[in-house]
Amino acid sequence: MRPVGPADPSWRGGPWGDRTHAVLCPNPSPMTLEGTNTWVLAEPGSEAVVVVDPGPLHEEHLQSVLRHVRDRGARVTLTLLTHGHADHAESADRWAELTAAPVRAVGRGHDDLTEGELLRVGGLELLVVPTPGHTADSVSFLLPAEQVLLTGDTVLGRGTTVVAYPDGDLTSYLESLQRLRDLTGSGAAASIAPGHGPVVPDAAGTVEHYWEHRHQRLDQVRDAVRALHAPGGADAFPHASRDLADLVVERVYADVPRAVWPAARLSVLAQLDYLGHLDHPAPDAG
C-alpha cells in the first residue's frame, strides 16, 4: 500500500473500449479513492448486460446503474462480485431484487465461480481468474475481446492495495500477482478495469510495480522487526503481536496518510504472518 492522495475529480467513470463502462458510486474516501466502480459489460448491440460489483447499499447509485442499462436498451442478466467487502457487494441482495438477475461470486452464499470458468452472456465472454489475497474470496475477470482485466481490489487504478488480514493472506496474494503477471506478460490482458480509480492502460507495468512494491515492503518489514528486536530497539516493546504490528506501521508506513494506517496495519499483520512472526491468529484487527 502506498499513498493514494485525495480523490481525482478527473475520473468520473465512463466507457473503456466498446464493451465496458464504469458507473462511479459517490462514495469517495481514502480507501475507495474516487468511489467504487460498478462495471457494466455488454457485447456491442446486445441487450444482455453483465454488472460487476453493484457497490454499497446506495439507492441513488443503484438507480444510476439501472438508468445507464435502460438507456442503452438493455437489461441485466448476470451480476458478478469481485469480493465480499461492503463497498463492492453490500447491495447485492437489493440489486438482485431490482434486476431479477442471478448474483455469482466466490462463496458468500452465492453461486460459486470456478477457476477457468468461461462465462457467456449475449455474445460476451468473460474468463474467471481467482485472485485471492486481498480477501480470501477475491476474483478477477478477463474480457478477452478487449484484453481488459477487471480486478476489484486486487489491483487499483491508483496506489496499491491492502492485504486484509486475517481474511487476506500474503502467500495467496503473491501467487495471485504471479498469475496476473503471466496474463499480462502473455498479452492476454493489456489494460486493467479496477474496483477503484481510473482505468490502467499499462496492465503489465502496473502488475510488475505491485510485485516489486510488495517485495520491497516485505524487506522493510523484515528490517523493522530486526531493528525492534535489537538491543535498545524495543525498550517499550511488550512482545505482543498486536503491538509489534503498530510499531512496524509507524516505521514502514510513515509515507502513508494516517487515515489509512488501520488498513496498513492489516497488511503488516499479513506480512508478519508470512514472515513467521505471529504465533497465532491476531485478535480482531478492525
C-alpha atoms as a PDB file:
ATOM      1  CA  MET A   1       0.000   0.000   0.000  1.00  0.00           C
ATOM      2  CA  ARG A   2       1.313   3.454  -0.889  1.00  0.00           C
ATOM      3  CA  PRO A   3      -0.098   6.987  -0.567  1.00  0.00           C
ATOM      4  CA  VAL A   4      -3.296   7.389  -2.537  1.00  0.00           C
ATOM      5  CA  GLY A   5      -3.809  11.124  -2.164  1.00  0.00           C
ATOM      6  CA  PRO A   6      -7.138  12.903  -2.485  1.00  0.00           C
ATOM      7  CA  ALA A   7      -9.835  11.824  -4.897  1.00  0.00           C
ATOM      8  CA  ASP A   8      -9.064  12.717  -8.512  1.00  0.00           C
ATOM      9  CA  PRO A   9     -12.006  14.662  -9.983  1.00  0.00           C
ATOM     10  CA  SER A  10     -10.814  13.792 -13.491  1.00  0.00           C
ATOM     11  CA  TRP A  11     -12.027  10.195 -13.038  1.00  0.00           C
ATOM     12  CA  ARG A  12     -15.804  10.076 -13.200  1.00  0.00           C
ATOM     13  CA  GLY A  13     -16.315   6.691 -14.739  1.00  0.00           C
ATOM     14  CA  GLY A  14     -17.400   6.204 -18.321  1.00  0.00           C
ATOM     15  CA  PRO A  15     -16.610   3.877 -21.222  1.00  0.00           C
ATOM     16  CA  TRP A  16     -13.410   1.968 -21.893  1.00  0.00           C
ATOM     17  CA  GLY A  17     -13.442   0.286 -25.268  1.00  0.00           C
ATOM     18  CA  ASP A  18     -16.640  -0.970 -26.827  1.00  0.00           C
ATOM     19  CA  ARG A  19     -17.745  -3.376 -24.109  1.00  0.00           C
ATOM     20  CA  THR A  20     -17.003  -1.818 -20.719  1.00  0.00           C
ATOM     21  CA  HIS A  21     -18.472   1.188 -18.929  1.00  0.00           C
ATOM     22  CA  ALA A  22     -17.910   2.293 -15.327  1.00  0.00           C
ATOM     23  CA  VAL A  23     -20.680   3.909 -13.300  1.00  0.00           C
ATOM     24  CA  LEU A  24     -18.927   5.634 -10.394  1.00  0.00           C
ATOM     25  CA  CYS A  25     -20.539   5.380  -6.967  1.00  0.00           C
ATOM     26  CA  PRO A  26     -20.427   8.647  -4.955  1.00  0.00           C
ATOM     27  CA  ASN A  27     -18.608   7.059  -2.002  1.00  0.00           C
ATOM     28  CA  PRO A  28     -15.130   8.652  -2.162  1.00  0.00           C
ATOM     29  CA  SER A  29     -12.727   8.096   0.733  1.00  0.00           C
ATOM     30  CA  PRO A  30      -9.023   7.462   1.336  1.00  0.00           C
ATOM     31  CA  MET A  31      -9.724   3.742   0.863  1.00  0.00           C
ATOM     32  CA  THR A  32     -12.211   3.891  -2.041  1.00  0.00           C
ATOM     33  CA  LEU A  33     -10.391   6.669  -3.942  1.00  0.00           C
ATOM     34  CA  GLU A  34     -12.947   8.426  -6.191  1.00  0.00           C
ATOM     35  CA  GLY A  35     -15.547   5.803  -5.267  1.00  0.00           C
ATOM     36  CA  THR A  36     -16.476   2.262  -6.245  1.00  0.00           C
ATOM     37  CA  ASN A  37     -16.508   1.457  -9.948  1.00  0.00           C
ATOM     38  CA  THR A  38     -19.566  -0.542 -10.947  1.00  0.00           C
ATOM     39  CA  TRP A  39     -18.702  -2.075 -14.298  1.00  0.00           C
ATOM     40  CA  VAL A  40     -21.380  -2.592 -16.951  1.00  0.00           C
ATOM     41  CA  LEU A  41     -20.302  -5.054 -19.641  1.00  0.00           C
ATOM     42  CA  ALA A  42     -22.047  -5.947 -22.877  1.00  0.00           C
ATOM     43  CA  GLU A  43     -21.271  -7.094 -26.382  1.00  0.00           C
ATOM     44  CA  PRO A  44     -21.957  -4.279 -28.889  1.00  0.00           C
ATOM     45  CA  GLY A  45     -25.581  -4.438 -29.990  1.00  0.00           C
ATOM     46  CA  SER A  46     -26.552  -6.951 -27.315  1.00  0.00           C
ATOM     47  CA  GLU A  47     -29.442  -6.380 -24.921  1.00  0.00           C
ATOM     48  CA  ALA A  48     -27.847  -8.640 -22.290  1.00  0.00           C
ATOM     49  CA  VAL A  49     -25.680  -6.868 -19.713  1.00  0.00           C
ATOM     50  CA  VAL A  50     -23.290  -8.140 -17.040  1.00  0.00           C
ATOM     51  CA  VAL A  51     -22.772  -5.933 -13.974  1.00  0.00           C
ATOM     52  CA  VAL A  52     -19.636  -6.333 -11.871  1.00  0.00           C
ATOM     53  CA  ASP A  53     -19.774  -5.032  -8.271  1.00  0.00           C
ATOM     54  CA  PRO A  54     -23.067  -3.161  -7.743  1.00  0.00           C
ATOM     55  CA  GLY A  55     -21.377  -1.483  -4.783  1.00  0.00           C
ATOM     56  CA  PRO A  56     -22.569  -0.358  -1.355  1.00  0.00           C
ATOM     57  CA  LEU A  57     -26.226  -0.121  -0.384  1.00  0.00           C
ATOM     58  CA  HIS A  58     -26.613   3.289  -2.007  1.00  0.00           C
ATOM     59  CA  GLU A  59     -30.005   3.580  -3.685  1.00  0.00           C
ATOM     60  CA  GLU A  60     -29.094   6.612  -5.792  1.00  0.00           C
ATOM     61  CA  HIS A  61     -26.121   4.749  -7.236  1.00  0.00           C
ATOM     62  CA  LEU A  62     -28.140   1.623  -7.968  1.00  0.00           C
ATOM     63  CA  GLN A  63     -30.725   3.692  -9.797  1.00  0.00           C
ATOM     64  CA  SER A  64     -27.941   5.381 -11.789  1.00  0.00           C
ATOM     65  CA  VAL A  65     -26.671   1.990 -12.914  1.00  0.00           C
ATOM     66  CA  LEU A  66     -30.192   0.926 -13.852  1.00  0.00           C
ATOM     67  CA  ARG A  67     -30.722   4.114 -15.873  1.00  0.00           C
ATOM     68  CA  HIS A  68     -27.493   3.520 -17.750  1.00  0.00           C
ATOM     69  CA  VAL A  69     -28.552  -0.026 -18.601  1.00  0.00           C
ATOM     70  CA  ARG A  70     -32.053   1.044 -19.668  1.00  0.00           C
ATOM     71  CA  ASP A  71     -30.754   3.970 -21.713  1.00  0.00           C
ATOM     72  CA  ARG A  72     -28.829   1.518 -23.853  1.00  0.00           C
ATOM     73  CA  GLY A  73     -31.990  -0.570 -24.318  1.00  0.00           C
ATOM     74  CA  ALA A  74     -30.606  -3.486 -22.341  1.00  0.00           C
ATOM     75  CA  ARG A  75     -31.290  -5.486 -19.206  1.00  0.00           C
ATOM     76  CA  VAL A  76     -29.070  -7.017 -16.538  1.00  0.00           C
ATOM     77  CA  THR A  77     -28.854 -10.783 -16.947  1.00  0.00           C
ATOM     78  CA  LEU A  78     -25.929 -11.540 -14.618  1.00  0.00           C
ATOM     79  CA  THR A  79     -24.241  -9.841 -11.656  1.00  0.00           C
ATOM     80  CA  LEU A  80     -20.705 -10.717 -10.546  1.00  0.00           C
ATOM     81  CA  LEU A  81     -18.873  -9.814  -7.337  1.00  0.00           C
ATOM     82  CA  THR A  82     -15.094  -9.450  -7.221  1.00  0.00           C
ATOM     83  CA  HIS A  83     -15.192  -9.959  -3.430  1.00  0.00           C
ATOM     84  CA  GLY A  84     -17.456  -9.545  -0.450  1.00  0.00           C
ATOM     85  CA  HIS A  85     -16.379  -6.185   1.005  1.00  0.00           C
ATOM     86  CA  ALA A  86     -19.311  -3.846   1.593  1.00  0.00           C
ATOM     87  CA  ASP A  87     -18.167  -1.167  -0.841  1.00  0.00           C
ATOM     88  CA  HIS A  88     -18.451  -3.744  -3.636  1.00  0.00           C
ATOM     89  CA  ALA A  89     -21.110  -6.204  -2.536  1.00  0.00           C
ATOM     90  CA  GLU A  90     -23.331  -4.760   0.200  1.00  0.00           C
ATOM     91  CA  SER A  91     -26.098  -4.020  -2.306  1.00  0.00           C
ATOM     92  CA  ALA A  92     -26.053  -7.476  -3.922  1.00  0.00           C
ATOM     93  CA  ASP A  93     -29.380  -8.600  -2.467  1.00  0.00           C
ATOM     94  CA  ARG A  94     -31.106  -5.293  -3.239  1.00  0.00           C
ATOM     95  CA  TRP A  95     -29.614  -5.318  -6.730  1.00  0.00           C
ATOM     96  CA  ALA A  96     -30.943  -8.831  -7.305  1.00  0.00           C
ATOM     97  CA  GLU A  97     -34.400  -7.587  -6.306  1.00  0.00           C
ATOM     98  CA  LEU A  98     -34.184  -4.688  -8.746  1.00  0.00           C
ATOM     99  CA  THR A  99     -32.912  -6.720 -11.691  1.00  0.00           C
ATOM    100  CA  ALA A 100     -34.095 -10.298 -11.056  1.00  0.00           C
ATOM    101  CA  ALA A 101     -30.628 -11.313 -12.257  1.00  0.00           C
ATOM    102  CA  PRO A 102     -28.564 -14.015 -10.537  1.00  0.00           C
ATOM    103  CA  VAL A 103     -25.554 -12.977  -8.455  1.00  0.00           C
ATOM    104  CA  ARG A 104     -22.373 -15.020  -8.679  1.00  0.00           C
ATOM    105  CA  ALA A 105     -19.228 -14.819  -6.573  1.00  0.00           C
ATOM    106  CA  VAL A 106     -16.751 -16.977  -4.684  1.00  0.00           C
ATOM    107  CA  GLY A 107     -18.533 -18.166  -1.553  1.00  0.00           C
ATOM    108  CA  ARG A 108     -20.587 -15.696   0.500  1.00  0.00           C
ATOM    109  CA  GLY A 109     -23.703 -17.767  -0.128  1.00  0.00           C
ATOM    110  CA  HIS A 110     -23.733 -17.025  -3.869  1.00  0.00           C
ATOM    111  CA  ASP A 111     -23.393 -19.412  -6.801  1.00  0.00           C
ATOM    112  CA  ASP A 112     -19.679 -20.187  -6.683  1.00  0.00           C
ATOM    113  CA  LEU A 113     -17.479 -19.159  -9.577  1.00  0.00           C
ATOM    114  CA  THR A 114     -14.798 -21.673 -10.510  1.00  0.00           C
ATOM    115  CA  GLU A 115     -11.255 -21.207 -11.811  1.00  0.00           C
ATOM    116  CA  GLY A 116     -11.074 -21.086 -15.589  1.00  0.00           C
ATOM    117  CA  GLU A 117     -14.846 -20.937 -15.985  1.00  0.00           C
ATOM    118  CA  LEU A 118     -15.875 -19.153 -19.182  1.00  0.00           C
ATOM    119  CA  LEU A 119     -18.994 -17.040 -18.713  1.00  0.00           C
ATOM    120  CA  ARG A 120     -21.044 -16.329 -21.849  1.00  0.00           C
ATOM    121  CA  VAL A 121     -23.763 -13.671 -21.844  1.00  0.00           C
ATOM    122  CA  GLY A 122     -25.276 -12.253 -25.021  1.00  0.00           C
ATOM    123  CA  GLY A 123     -22.146 -12.981 -27.035  1.00  0.00           C
ATOM    124  CA  LEU A 124     -19.866 -11.561 -24.333  1.00  0.00           C
ATOM    125  CA  GLU A 125     -17.219 -13.885 -22.911  1.00  0.00           C
ATOM    126  CA  LEU A 126     -15.557 -13.489 -19.504  1.00  0.00           C
ATOM    127  CA  LEU A 127     -12.896 -15.763 -18.051  1.00  0.00           C
ATOM    128  CA  VAL A 128     -12.904 -16.322 -14.273  1.00  0.00           C
ATOM    129  CA  VAL A 129      -9.451 -15.732 -12.757  1.00  0.00           C
ATOM    130  CA  PRO A 130      -9.235 -16.449  -8.998  1.00  0.00           C
ATOM    131  CA  THR A 131      -7.046 -13.825  -7.312  1.00  0.00           C
ATOM    132  CA  PRO A 132      -7.275 -14.383  -3.540  1.00  0.00           C
ATOM    133  CA  GLY A 133      -5.064 -12.384  -1.235  1.00  0.00           C
ATOM    134  CA  HIS A 134      -6.732  -9.017  -0.697  1.00  0.00           C
ATOM    135  CA  THR A 135      -9.504 -11.234   0.643  1.00  0.00           C
ATOM    136  CA  ALA A 136      -9.924 -14.990   0.544  1.00  0.00           C
ATOM    137  CA  ASP A 137     -12.793 -14.661  -1.937  1.00  0.00           C
ATOM    138  CA  SER A 138     -11.213 -12.170  -4.364  1.00  0.00           C
ATOM    139  CA  VAL A 139     -11.650 -12.966  -8.040  1.00  0.00           C
ATOM    140  CA  SER A 140     -10.854 -11.149 -11.286  1.00  0.00           C
ATOM    141  CA  PHE A 141     -12.429 -11.392 -14.728  1.00  0.00           C
ATOM    142  CA  LEU A 142     -10.680 -11.309 -18.089  1.00  0.00           C
ATOM    143  CA  LEU A 143     -12.550  -9.878 -21.066  1.00  0.00           C
ATOM    144  CA  PRO A 144     -10.542 -11.405 -23.946  1.00  0.00           C
ATOM    145  CA  ALA A 145     -12.257  -9.402 -26.692  1.00  0.00           C
ATOM    146  CA  GLU A 146     -10.824  -6.184 -25.244  1.00  0.00           C
ATOM    147  CA  GLN A 147      -7.823  -7.611 -23.354  1.00  0.00           C
ATOM    148  CA  VAL A 148      -9.243  -5.976 -20.227  1.00  0.00           C
ATOM    149  CA  LEU A 149      -8.811  -7.427 -16.745  1.00  0.00           C
ATOM    150  CA  LEU A 150     -11.374  -6.485 -14.091  1.00  0.00           C
ATOM    151  CA  THR A 151      -9.513  -6.772 -10.802  1.00  0.00           C
ATOM    152  CA  GLY A 152     -11.741  -5.481  -7.997  1.00  0.00           C
ATOM    153  CA  ASP A 153      -9.347  -4.519  -5.195  1.00  0.00           C
ATOM    154  CA  THR A 154      -6.522  -6.866  -6.218  1.00  0.00           C
ATOM    155  CA  VAL A 155      -5.055  -4.082  -8.365  1.00  0.00           C
ATOM    156  CA  LEU A 156      -6.299  -0.490  -8.054  1.00  0.00           C
ATOM    157  CA  GLY A 157      -6.321   2.377 -10.509  1.00  0.00           C
ATOM    158  CA  ARG A 158      -4.024   4.381  -8.248  1.00  0.00           C
ATOM    159  CA  GLY A 159      -1.867   3.485  -5.260  1.00  0.00           C
ATOM    160  CA  THR A 160      -1.588  -0.092  -4.027  1.00  0.00           C
ATOM    161  CA  THR A 161      -3.998  -2.319  -2.173  1.00  0.00           C
ATOM    162  CA  VAL A 162      -4.248  -3.788   1.319  1.00  0.00           C
ATOM    163  CA  VAL A 163      -3.911  -7.466   2.196  1.00  0.00           C
ATOM    164  CA  ALA A 164      -6.816  -7.525   4.630  1.00  0.00           C
ATOM    165  CA  TYR A 165      -5.549  -9.912   7.332  1.00  0.00           C
ATOM    166  CA  PRO A 166      -6.780 -12.309   8.638  1.00  0.00           C
ATOM    167  CA  ASP A 167      -9.174 -12.927   5.726  1.00  0.00           C
ATOM    168  CA  GLY A 168      -6.493 -11.741   3.340  1.00  0.00           C
ATOM    169  CA  ASP A 169      -3.284 -13.730   3.031  1.00  0.00           C
ATOM    170  CA  LEU A 170       0.062 -12.621   1.628  1.00  0.00           C
ATOM    171  CA  THR A 171       1.081 -16.016   0.247  1.00  0.00           C
ATOM    172  CA  SER A 172      -2.165 -16.126  -1.724  1.00  0.00           C
ATOM    173  CA  TYR A 173      -1.747 -12.518  -2.822  1.00  0.00           C
ATOM    174  CA  LEU A 174       1.752 -13.112  -4.192  1.00  0.00           C
ATOM    175  CA  GLU A 175       0.508 -16.185  -6.044  1.00  0.00           C
ATOM    176  CA  SER A 176      -2.327 -14.081  -7.490  1.00  0.00           C
ATOM    177  CA  LEU A 177       0.080 -11.374  -8.602  1.00  0.00           C
ATOM    178  CA  GLN A 178       2.155 -14.038 -10.343  1.00  0.00           C
ATOM    179  CA  ARG A 179      -0.996 -15.256 -12.090  1.00  0.00           C
ATOM    180  CA  LEU A 180      -1.665 -11.695 -13.270  1.00  0.00           C
ATOM    181  CA  ARG A 181       1.974 -11.320 -14.342  1.00  0.00           C
ATOM    182  CA  ASP A 182       1.522 -14.387 -16.520  1.00  0.00           C
ATOM    183  CA  LEU A 183      -1.662 -12.969 -18.073  1.00  0.00           C
ATOM    184  CA  THR A 184      -0.213  -9.543 -18.741  1.00  0.00           C
ATOM    185  CA  GLY A 185       3.145 -10.907 -19.858  1.00  0.00           C
ATOM    186  CA  SER A 186       1.467 -13.105 -22.454  1.00  0.00           C
ATOM    187  CA  GLY A 187      -0.517 -10.165 -23.813  1.00  0.00           C
ATOM    188  CA  ALA A 188      -3.845 -11.667 -22.786  1.00  0.00           C
ATOM    189  CA  ALA A 189      -4.509  -8.606 -20.607  1.00  0.00           C
ATOM    190  CA  ALA A 190      -3.381  -5.176 -21.804  1.00  0.00           C
ATOM    191  CA  SER A 191      -5.381  -2.892 -19.501  1.00  0.00           C
ATOM    192  CA  ILE A 192      -6.995  -3.065 -16.068  1.00  0.00           C
ATOM    193  CA  ALA A 193     -10.505  -2.013 -15.079  1.00  0.00           C
ATOM    194  CA  PRO A 194     -10.120  -1.708 -11.291  1.00  0.00           C
ATOM    195  CA  GLY A 195     -12.631  -1.588  -8.468  1.00  0.00           C
ATOM    196  CA  HIS A 196     -11.448   1.909  -7.538  1.00  0.00           C
ATOM    197  CA  GLY A 197      -9.699   4.610  -9.512  1.00  0.00           C
ATOM    198  CA  PRO A 198      -9.195   5.156 -13.227  1.00  0.00           C
ATOM    199  CA  VAL A 199      -8.599   2.516 -15.863  1.00  0.00           C
ATOM    200  CA  VAL A 200      -4.963   1.404 -16.028  1.00  0.00           C
ATOM    201  CA  PRO A 201      -3.789   1.351 -19.666  1.00  0.00           C
ATOM    202  CA  ASP A 202      -0.489  -0.410 -18.870  1.00  0.00           C
ATOM    203  CA  ALA A 203      -1.522  -3.640 -17.179  1.00  0.00           C
ATOM    204  CA  ALA A 204       1.888  -5.311 -17.393  1.00  0.00           C
ATOM    205  CA  GLY A 205       3.791  -2.357 -15.958  1.00  0.00           C
ATOM    206  CA  THR A 206       1.317  -1.862 -13.139  1.00  0.00           C
ATOM    207  CA  VAL A 207       1.247  -5.507 -12.100  1.00  0.00           C
ATOM    208  CA  GLU A 208       5.043  -5.555 -12.165  1.00  0.00           C
ATOM    209  CA  HIS A 209       5.079  -2.476  -9.933  1.00  0.00           C
ATOM    210  CA  TYR A 210       2.737  -4.227  -7.495  1.00  0.00           C
ATOM    211  CA  TRP A 211       5.033  -7.248  -7.457  1.00  0.00           C
ATOM    212  CA  GLU A 212       8.131  -5.171  -6.770  1.00  0.00           C
ATOM    213  CA  HIS A 213       6.367  -2.949  -4.244  1.00  0.00           C
ATOM    214  CA  ARG A 214       5.099  -5.903  -2.231  1.00  0.00           C
ATOM    215  CA  HIS A 215       8.588  -7.403  -2.003  1.00  0.00           C
ATOM    216  CA  GLN A 216      10.060  -4.021  -1.081  1.00  0.00           C
ATOM    217  CA  ARG A 217       7.543  -3.726   1.738  1.00  0.00           C
ATOM    218  CA  LEU A 218       8.454  -7.214   2.923  1.00  0.00           C
ATOM    219  CA  ASP A 219      12.106  -6.198   3.091  1.00  0.00           C
ATOM    220  CA  GLN A 220      11.142  -3.075   5.039  1.00  0.00           C
ATOM    221  CA  VAL A 221       9.077  -5.107   7.496  1.00  0.00           C
ATOM    222  CA  ARG A 222      11.969  -7.544   7.982  1.00  0.00           C
ATOM    223  CA  ASP A 223      14.306  -4.631   8.678  1.00  0.00           C
ATOM    224  CA  ALA A 224      11.835  -3.011  11.073  1.00  0.00           C
ATOM    225  CA  VAL A 225      11.364  -6.218  13.064  1.00  0.00           C
ATOM    226  CA  ARG A 226      15.123  -6.715  13.206  1.00  0.00           C
ATOM    227  CA  ALA A 227      15.609  -3.159  14.488  1.00  0.00           C
ATOM    228  CA  LEU A 228      12.857  -3.503  17.076  1.00  0.00           C
ATOM    229  CA  HIS A 229      14.439  -6.668  18.442  1.00  0.00           C
ATOM    230  CA  ALA A 230      17.953  -5.208  18.500  1.00  0.00           C
ATOM    231  CA  PRO A 231      19.447  -4.188  21.877  1.00  0.00           C
ATOM    232  CA  GLY A 232      17.879  -0.889  22.848  1.00  0.00           C
ATOM    233  CA  GLY A 233      15.475  -1.016  19.940  1.00  0.00           C
ATOM    234  CA  ALA A 234      12.402  -2.163  21.789  1.00  0.00           C
ATOM    235  CA  ASP A 235      12.543  -0.549  25.224  1.00  0.00           C
ATOM    236  CA  ALA A 236       8.787  -0.076  25.264  1.00  0.00           C
ATOM    237  CA  PHE A 237       8.015  -3.222  23.302  1.00  0.00           C
ATOM    238  CA  PRO A 238       5.937  -5.734  25.312  1.00  0.00           C
ATOM    239  CA  HIS A 239       6.460  -8.556  22.802  1.00  0.00           C
ATOM    240  CA  ALA A 240       2.822  -8.864  21.746  1.00  0.00           C
ATOM    241  CA  SER A 241       1.916  -9.359  18.085  1.00  0.00           C
ATOM    242  CA  ARG A 242      -0.577  -6.503  18.035  1.00  0.00           C
ATOM    243  CA  ASP A 243       1.994  -4.074  19.483  1.00  0.00           C
ATOM    244  CA  LEU A 244       4.635  -5.266  17.042  1.00  0.00           C
ATOM    245  CA  ALA A 245       2.288  -4.523  14.149  1.00  0.00           C
ATOM    246  CA  ASP A 246       1.660  -0.987  15.403  1.00  0.00           C
ATOM    247  CA  LEU A 247       5.380  -0.307  15.759  1.00  0.00           C
ATOM    248  CA  VAL A 248       6.104  -1.648  12.292  1.00  0.00           C
ATOM    249  CA  VAL A 249       3.367   0.528  10.773  1.00  0.00           C
ATOM    250  CA  GLU A 250       4.956   3.610  12.327  1.00  0.00           C
ATOM    251  CA  ARG A 251       8.337   2.727  10.819  1.00  0.00           C
ATOM    252  CA  VAL A 252       7.392   1.283   7.447  1.00  0.00           C
ATOM    253  CA  TYR A 253       4.256   3.211   6.506  1.00  0.00           C
ATOM    254  CA  ALA A 254       5.362   6.698   7.502  1.00  0.00           C
ATOM    255  CA  ASP A 255       4.854   7.692   3.839  1.00  0.00           C
ATOM    256  CA  VAL A 256       1.154   6.764   4.003  1.00  0.00           C
ATOM    257  CA  PRO A 257      -1.508   9.167   5.359  1.00  0.00           C
ATOM    258  CA  ARG A 258      -2.550   8.290   8.908  1.00  0.00           C
ATOM    259  CA  ALA A 259      -6.132   7.946   7.691  1.00  0.00           C
ATOM    260  CA  VAL A 260      -5.155   4.656   6.059  1.00  0.00           C
ATOM    261  CA  TRP A 261      -2.907   3.355   8.860  1.00  0.00           C
ATOM    262  CA  PRO A 262      -5.628   0.959  10.077  1.00  0.00           C
ATOM    263  CA  ALA A 263      -5.572  -0.655   6.627  1.00  0.00           C
ATOM    264  CA  ALA A 264      -1.768  -0.564   6.573  1.00  0.00           C
ATOM    265  CA  ARG A 265      -1.848  -2.408   9.893  1.00  0.00           C
ATOM    266  CA  LEU A 266      -3.805  -5.237   8.290  1.00  0.00           C
ATOM    267  CA  SER A 267      -1.135  -5.527   5.601  1.00  0.00           C
ATOM    268  CA  VAL A 268       1.581  -5.515   8.272  1.00  0.00           C
ATOM    269  CA  LEU A 269      -0.161  -8.330  10.131  1.00  0.00           C
ATOM    270  CA  ALA A 270      -0.328 -10.279   6.858  1.00  0.00           C
ATOM    271  CA  GLN A 271       3.391  -9.686   6.308  1.00  0.00           C
ATOM    272  CA  LEU A 272       4.300 -10.628   9.882  1.00  0.00           C
ATOM    273  CA  ASP A 273       2.283 -13.811   9.476  1.00  0.00           C
ATOM    274  CA  TYR A 274       4.059 -14.540   6.177  1.00  0.00           C
ATOM    275  CA  LEU A 275       7.438 -13.996   7.844  1.00  0.00           C
ATOM    276  CA  GLY A 276       6.545 -16.225  10.790  1.00  0.00           C
ATOM    277  CA  HIS A 277       6.322 -13.518  13.443  1.00  0.00           C
ATOM    278  CA  LEU A 278       2.753 -14.291  14.516  1.00  0.00           C
ATOM    279  CA  ASP A 279       2.489 -17.285  16.821  1.00  0.00           C
ATOM    280  CA  HIS A 280      -1.278 -17.450  16.396  1.00  0.00           C
ATOM    281  CA  PRO A 281      -4.019 -15.508  14.613  1.00  0.00           C
ATOM    282  CA  ALA A 282      -4.138 -11.960  15.921  1.00  0.00           C
ATOM    283  CA  PRO A 283      -7.251 -10.687  17.680  1.00  0.00           C
ATOM    284  CA  ASP A 284      -9.840  -8.877  15.592  1.00  0.00           C
ATOM    285  CA  ALA A 285      -7.833  -6.428  13.502  1.00  0.00           C
ATOM    286  CA  GLY A 286     -10.605  -3.987  12.967  1.00  0.00           C
END
